[in-house]
Amino acid sequence: MPLPPLPDPSRRGARLGGLSKAVPATAFLFSTLLAFNVVQTFSLALKLVSGRRFREFNRWAADTWWGWCVTGAEVLHGIRLEVTGDDVPRRENAIVVANHQQMPDITFLMIWARQKDRLGDMKWMVKDIVKWVPGVGWGMAFIDCVFVKRDWAADQASIERTFSRLTDNDVPVWLLSFPEGTRVSPDKVARSREYATREGLPPLEHVLVPRTKGFVASVAGLRRHATAIYDVTIGYERGVPTLWQYIKGFVPVAHLHVRRFPVAELPDGDDDLAQWLQQRFQEKDRLLDHFYRHGSFPREPPPPT
């Protein structure tokens, strides 16, 4: 089953110390994010003159503000990331698929993205409602994130337009997607296992059966532009943290296990791509099982049981 929630520190001093750092940091980051939104709105005038300059400015805005988030966590709390598996080159166009447990998954992926000089180039595949959220949602709308309603008939045309824009304009990109479609919980795992049994799929213990349409559309839309798929498995040591626990510094480390697959080696057919993604999540389940048992990811993916 999924890892339980992370407990807060038992010492009152540690809890108060984390809170004393989190409150001013949150106030600074949220206020500056709203200021960035204002400047980004004015950048629409730049778009009338040069689409490339508009994208470059908003890439800088994302890289700068997300960079402050990463630096703040590292400086205030000493947060670090342990990355195992395949090394990936810097500044490679890629589709990143990851398991999703809680909001800190995103912040740790940002730390990794900055290490690979792709922080400002991250594009998220997120729920459509997010674009109406002041700050983060508004900012994501300026950098060509992919907003989906989970209704393929409604989503297909807008997804294809976004991917065409990225490809035709040679926009640097890391497209990040959580194919499970939601954060993992014991109840959701139970329902996912029931679905897997009905569909003749292996029931999974630590992740959910992935939704495949978004991934298939991503590969189809970015096959000429993205060089690789990064299959990322995120593991936590003592429990799954909330975003507020992360901001308070209660999550000193997270583990990322990375596998890199060249896009040129992926299957062509939609059904074959969907099956390929299913196999990756079956593998993630085995990786997490090993991680929870031994405290580290294995050198090689465990074989199917």
Protein backbone atom coordinates (compact mmCIF):
# COMPACT_ATOMS: atom_id res chain seq x y z
CA MET A 1 0.00 0.00 0.00
CA PRO A 2 1.11 3.64 -0.36
CA LEU A 3 3.41 5.11 2.25
CA PRO A 4 1.44 6.71 5.14
CA PRO A 5 1.45 10.49 5.68
CA LEU A 6 4.62 11.98 7.11
CA PRO A 7 4.33 12.76 10.83
CA ASP A 8 5.38 16.18 12.11
CA PRO A 9 8.48 16.33 14.33
CA SER A 10 7.77 15.31 17.91
CA ARG A 11 9.77 18.22 19.37
CA ARG A 12 7.82 21.45 19.77
CA GLY A 13 10.96 23.50 19.07
CA ALA A 14 11.41 21.84 15.68
CA ARG A 15 7.80 22.53 14.76
CA LEU A 16 8.04 26.19 15.78
CA GLY A 17 11.39 26.57 14.00
CA GLY A 18 9.92 25.26 10.78
CA LEU A 19 6.92 27.55 11.08
CA SER A 20 9.10 30.62 11.75
CA LYS A 21 10.87 30.04 8.42
CA ALA A 22 7.82 28.98 6.44
CA VAL A 23 5.59 31.99 7.11
CA PRO A 24 7.91 34.74 5.81
CA ALA A 25 9.11 32.56 2.93
CA THR A 26 5.53 31.85 1.86
CA ALA A 27 4.57 35.53 2.12
CA PHE A 28 7.54 36.56 -0.01
CA LEU A 29 7.00 33.90 -2.67
CA PHE A 30 3.25 34.45 -3.01
CA SER A 31 3.53 38.24 -3.19
CA THR A 32 6.30 38.11 -5.77
CA LEU A 33 4.35 35.52 -7.77
CA LEU A 34 1.40 37.89 -8.04
CA ALA A 35 3.81 40.63 -9.10
CA PHE A 36 5.17 38.32 -11.80
CA ASN A 37 1.59 37.70 -12.97
CA VAL A 38 1.11 41.45 -13.45
CA VAL A 39 4.31 41.77 -15.47
CA GLN A 40 3.39 38.67 -17.49
CA THR A 41 0.07 40.28 -18.35
CA PHE A 42 1.90 43.31 -19.74
CA SER A 43 4.11 40.94 -21.74
CA LEU A 44 1.10 40.22 -23.96
CA ALA A 45 1.99 43.46 -25.73
CA LEU A 46 5.38 41.94 -26.51
CA LYS A 47 3.59 38.99 -28.12
CA LEU A 48 2.12 41.32 -30.73
CA VAL A 49 5.64 42.21 -31.82
CA SER A 50 7.50 38.92 -31.39
CA GLY A 51 6.15 35.57 -30.26
CA ARG A 52 9.70 34.38 -29.62
CA ARG A 53 10.50 37.31 -27.32
CA PHE A 54 7.21 36.74 -25.48
CA ARG A 55 8.10 33.10 -24.86
CA GLU A 56 11.66 33.97 -23.83
CA PHE A 57 10.44 36.51 -21.30
CA ASN A 58 7.94 34.14 -19.74
CA ARG A 59 10.51 31.36 -19.71
CA TRP A 60 12.76 33.74 -17.74
CA ALA A 61 9.90 34.55 -15.37
CA ALA A 62 9.21 30.88 -14.66
CA ASP A 63 12.89 30.04 -14.30
CA THR A 64 13.43 32.95 -11.90
CA TRP A 65 10.45 32.40 -9.59
CA TRP A 66 10.72 28.61 -9.51
CA GLY A 67 14.45 29.10 -8.94
CA TRP A 68 13.67 31.16 -5.84
CA CYS A 69 11.49 28.28 -4.58
CA VAL A 70 14.31 25.78 -5.08
CA THR A 71 17.00 28.03 -3.60
CA GLY A 72 14.82 28.87 -0.61
CA ALA A 73 14.29 25.21 0.23
CA GLU A 74 17.99 24.44 -0.11
CA VAL A 75 19.21 27.45 1.87
CA LEU A 76 16.57 27.52 4.62
CA HIS A 77 16.22 23.79 5.19
CA GLY A 78 19.12 22.02 3.46
CA ILE A 79 16.68 20.01 1.36
CA ARG A 80 18.40 17.66 -1.06
CA LEU A 81 17.56 15.21 -3.80
CA GLU A 82 19.02 11.74 -4.31
CA VAL A 83 18.86 10.75 -7.99
CA THR A 84 19.59 7.19 -9.13
CA GLY A 85 19.19 5.26 -12.36
CA ASP A 86 19.96 6.72 -15.76
CA ASP A 87 21.76 10.03 -16.06
CA VAL A 88 20.09 12.36 -18.55
CA PRO A 89 21.75 15.12 -20.60
CA ARG A 90 21.27 18.79 -19.85
CA ARG A 91 18.76 20.77 -21.91
CA GLU A 92 17.23 17.79 -23.69
CA ASN A 93 13.64 18.05 -24.88
CA ALA A 94 11.73 15.33 -23.05
CA ILE A 95 8.40 14.03 -21.80
CA VAL A 96 8.60 13.30 -18.07
CA VAL A 97 6.14 10.83 -16.52
CA ALA A 98 6.09 10.34 -12.76
CA ASN A 99 4.07 8.77 -9.97
CA HIS A 100 2.09 11.26 -7.88
CA GLN A 101 1.75 11.10 -4.10
CA GLN A 102 1.55 14.72 -2.89
CA MET A 103 2.39 18.29 -3.91
CA PRO A 104 6.09 18.04 -2.92
CA ASP A 105 6.49 15.67 -5.88
CA ILE A 106 6.37 18.83 -7.98
CA THR A 107 8.90 20.76 -5.91
CA PHE A 108 11.42 17.93 -5.98
CA LEU A 109 11.00 17.59 -9.74
CA MET A 110 11.81 21.30 -9.93
CA ILE A 111 15.07 20.71 -8.06
CA TRP A 112 16.00 18.03 -10.60
CA ALA A 113 14.93 20.23 -13.52
CA ARG A 114 17.22 23.03 -12.38
CA GLN A 115 20.12 20.58 -12.20
CA LYS A 116 19.46 19.83 -15.89
CA ASP A 117 18.93 23.49 -16.88
CA ARG A 118 15.28 22.86 -17.72
CA LEU A 119 13.51 24.61 -14.83
CA GLY A 120 12.04 27.43 -16.90
CA ASP A 121 11.17 25.00 -19.69
CA MET A 122 8.85 22.83 -17.61
CA LYS A 123 5.36 22.50 -19.07
CA TRP A 124 2.75 20.75 -16.97
CA MET A 125 -0.22 18.65 -18.03
CA VAL A 126 -2.72 19.75 -15.37
CA LYS A 127 -6.44 19.97 -14.66
CA ASP A 128 -8.18 22.79 -16.53
CA ILE A 129 -9.44 24.42 -13.34
CA VAL A 130 -5.85 25.22 -12.28
CA LYS A 131 -5.53 27.97 -14.89
CA TRP A 132 -8.05 30.06 -12.91
CA VAL A 133 -5.95 29.95 -9.72
CA PRO A 134 -4.15 33.28 -9.10
CA GLY A 135 -0.40 33.00 -9.01
CA VAL A 136 0.57 29.49 -10.09
CA GLY A 137 -2.32 28.88 -12.48
CA TRP A 138 -2.10 32.25 -14.19
CA GLY A 139 1.65 31.87 -14.55
CA MET A 140 1.30 28.42 -16.10
CA ALA A 141 -1.07 29.81 -18.70
CA PHE A 142 1.70 32.11 -19.96
CA ILE A 143 4.18 29.29 -20.57
CA ASP A 144 2.05 26.95 -22.68
CA CYS A 145 1.13 24.40 -20.04
CA VAL A 146 -1.43 21.84 -21.16
CA PHE A 147 -4.78 22.24 -19.36
CA VAL A 148 -7.10 19.24 -19.61
CA LYS A 149 -10.73 18.64 -18.61
CA ARG A 150 -10.36 14.86 -18.59
CA ASP A 151 -12.88 14.72 -21.44
CA TRP A 152 -11.00 13.57 -24.52
CA ALA A 153 -13.55 15.03 -26.93
CA ALA A 154 -13.09 18.44 -25.31
CA ASP A 155 -9.33 18.17 -24.75
CA GLN A 156 -8.02 16.72 -28.01
CA ALA A 157 -8.09 19.86 -30.17
CA SER A 158 -6.50 22.14 -27.53
CA ILE A 159 -3.79 19.57 -26.73
CA GLU A 160 -2.91 19.21 -30.41
CA ARG A 161 -2.75 23.01 -30.84
CA THR A 162 -0.40 23.37 -27.86
CA PHE A 163 1.93 20.64 -29.08
CA SER A 164 1.95 22.08 -32.60
CA ARG A 165 2.88 25.49 -31.18
CA LEU A 166 5.76 24.00 -29.19
CA THR A 167 7.03 21.94 -32.12
CA ASP A 168 6.59 24.54 -34.89
CA ASN A 169 8.38 27.21 -32.84
CA ASP A 170 11.09 24.86 -31.57
CA VAL A 171 10.27 25.73 -27.95
CA PRO A 172 12.56 24.05 -25.37
CA VAL A 173 10.41 21.74 -23.27
CA TRP A 174 10.15 19.30 -20.43
CA LEU A 175 6.51 18.18 -20.51
CA LEU A 176 5.64 16.78 -17.08
CA SER A 177 2.72 14.47 -16.59
CA PHE A 178 1.27 12.40 -13.73
CA PRO A 179 -0.58 9.70 -15.69
CA GLU A 180 -2.35 8.38 -12.60
CA GLY A 181 -4.50 11.52 -12.89
CA THR A 182 -4.65 12.10 -9.14
CA ARG A 183 -2.65 11.73 -5.95
CA VAL A 184 -2.36 8.23 -4.53
CA SER A 185 -4.28 7.21 -1.40
CA PRO A 186 -5.24 3.81 0.06
CA ASP A 187 -8.86 4.17 -1.13
CA LYS A 188 -7.76 5.06 -4.64
CA VAL A 189 -5.33 2.14 -4.74
CA ALA A 190 -8.16 -0.20 -3.72
CA ARG A 191 -10.39 1.12 -6.51
CA SER A 192 -7.50 0.93 -8.98
CA ARG A 193 -6.88 -2.70 -8.04
CA GLU A 194 -10.54 -3.51 -8.66
CA TYR A 195 -10.32 -1.84 -12.07
CA ALA A 196 -7.11 -3.72 -12.91
CA THR A 197 -8.75 -7.03 -12.05
CA ARG A 198 -11.74 -6.27 -14.28
CA GLU A 199 -9.46 -5.25 -17.17
CA GLY A 200 -7.09 -8.21 -16.82
CA LEU A 201 -4.17 -6.05 -15.66
CA PRO A 202 -1.81 -6.81 -12.78
CA PRO A 203 -3.17 -5.20 -9.58
CA LEU A 204 -0.73 -2.62 -8.21
CA GLU A 205 0.11 -1.95 -4.56
CA HIS A 206 1.86 1.45 -4.52
CA VAL A 207 0.70 3.27 -7.66
CA LEU A 208 -2.51 3.54 -9.66
CA VAL A 209 -3.26 2.12 -13.08
CA PRO A 210 -2.27 5.02 -15.37
CA ARG A 211 -4.60 6.85 -17.73
CA THR A 212 -3.01 6.41 -21.12
CA LYS A 213 -4.73 8.83 -23.52
CA GLY A 214 -2.78 11.90 -22.42
CA PHE A 215 0.52 10.08 -22.70
CA VAL A 216 -0.31 8.70 -26.14
CA ALA A 217 -1.32 12.17 -27.32
CA SER A 218 1.89 13.66 -25.87
CA VAL A 219 4.10 11.21 -27.73
CA ALA A 220 2.14 11.71 -30.96
CA GLY A 221 2.28 15.49 -30.66
CA LEU A 222 5.92 15.81 -29.60
CA ARG A 223 7.51 12.87 -31.40
CA ARG A 224 9.30 15.23 -33.81
CA HIS A 225 10.38 17.54 -30.98
CA ALA A 226 11.13 15.49 -27.85
CA THR A 227 14.16 13.24 -27.83
CA ALA A 228 13.37 11.02 -24.85
CA ILE A 229 10.86 9.87 -22.26
CA TYR A 230 12.03 10.18 -18.65
CA ASP A 231 10.26 7.65 -16.47
CA VAL A 232 10.64 9.00 -12.91
CA THR A 233 9.74 7.16 -9.72
CA ILE A 234 9.56 9.33 -6.58
CA GLY A 235 10.15 7.81 -3.14
CA TYR A 236 10.03 9.29 0.36
CA GLU A 237 11.73 7.81 3.42
CA ARG A 238 9.46 8.26 6.47
CA GLY A 239 6.10 9.15 4.99
CA VAL A 240 4.45 11.17 2.25
CA PRO A 241 4.73 14.89 3.05
CA THR A 242 2.24 17.65 2.42
CA LEU A 243 3.32 20.88 0.72
CA TRP A 244 3.10 22.75 4.03
CA GLN A 245 5.41 20.19 5.66
CA TYR A 246 7.84 20.67 2.77
CA ILE A 247 7.76 24.45 3.19
CA LYS A 248 8.42 24.04 6.93
CA GLY A 249 11.48 21.92 6.17
CA PHE A 250 10.21 18.61 7.53
CA VAL A 251 11.26 16.75 4.35
CA PRO A 252 15.08 16.79 4.24
CA VAL A 253 15.43 14.41 1.30
CA ALA A 254 13.52 12.71 -1.51
CA HIS A 255 14.64 9.99 -3.92
CA LEU A 256 14.16 10.00 -7.70
CA HIS A 257 14.83 6.91 -9.78
CA VAL A 258 15.13 7.80 -13.47
CA ARG A 259 14.93 5.69 -16.59
CA ARG A 260 15.54 7.29 -19.98
CA PHE A 261 13.88 5.89 -23.12
CA PRO A 262 14.64 7.39 -26.56
CA VAL A 263 11.44 8.42 -28.30
CA ALA A 264 12.72 6.83 -31.51
CA GLU A 265 12.60 3.42 -29.80
CA LEU A 266 8.98 3.69 -28.62
CA PRO A 267 6.23 1.77 -30.44
CA ASP A 268 4.16 3.63 -33.02
CA GLY A 269 0.60 2.43 -32.47
CA ASP A 270 -1.68 4.00 -29.86
CA ASP A 271 -2.50 0.64 -28.26
CA ASP A 272 1.16 -0.32 -28.11
CA LEU A 273 2.06 3.02 -26.52
CA ALA A 274 -0.69 2.56 -23.95
CA GLN A 275 0.62 -0.90 -23.13
CA TRP A 276 4.16 0.50 -22.86
CA LEU A 277 2.99 3.01 -20.25
CA GLN A 278 1.15 0.29 -18.34
CA GLN A 279 4.39 -1.67 -18.19
CA ARG A 280 6.26 1.35 -16.82
CA PHE A 281 3.80 1.69 -13.94
CA GLN A 282 3.97 -2.01 -13.21
CA GLU A 283 7.72 -1.52 -13.01
CA LYS A 284 7.27 1.54 -10.76
CA ASP A 285 5.23 -0.60 -8.40
CA ARG A 286 8.10 -3.09 -8.09
CA LEU A 287 10.64 -0.28 -7.69
CA LEU A 288 8.66 1.28 -4.84
CA ASP A 289 8.20 -2.09 -3.20
CA HIS A 290 11.99 -2.53 -3.18
CA PHE A 291 12.48 1.05 -1.95
CA TYR A 292 10.10 0.62 0.98
CA ARG A 293 11.70 -2.69 1.94
CA HIS A 294 15.37 -1.68 1.60
CA GLY A 295 15.46 2.12 1.81
CA SER A 296 16.89 2.58 -1.69
CA PHE A 297 16.02 1.91 -5.28
CA PRO A 298 17.66 -1.14 -6.91
CA ARG A 299 20.41 -0.83 -9.50
CA GLU A 300 18.26 -2.73 -11.99
CA PRO A 301 14.44 -2.82 -12.16
CA PRO A 302 13.10 -5.88 -10.30
CA PRO A 303 11.69 -8.54 -12.65
CA PRO A 304 7.95 -9.21 -12.76
CA THR A 305 6.76 -11.65 -10.12
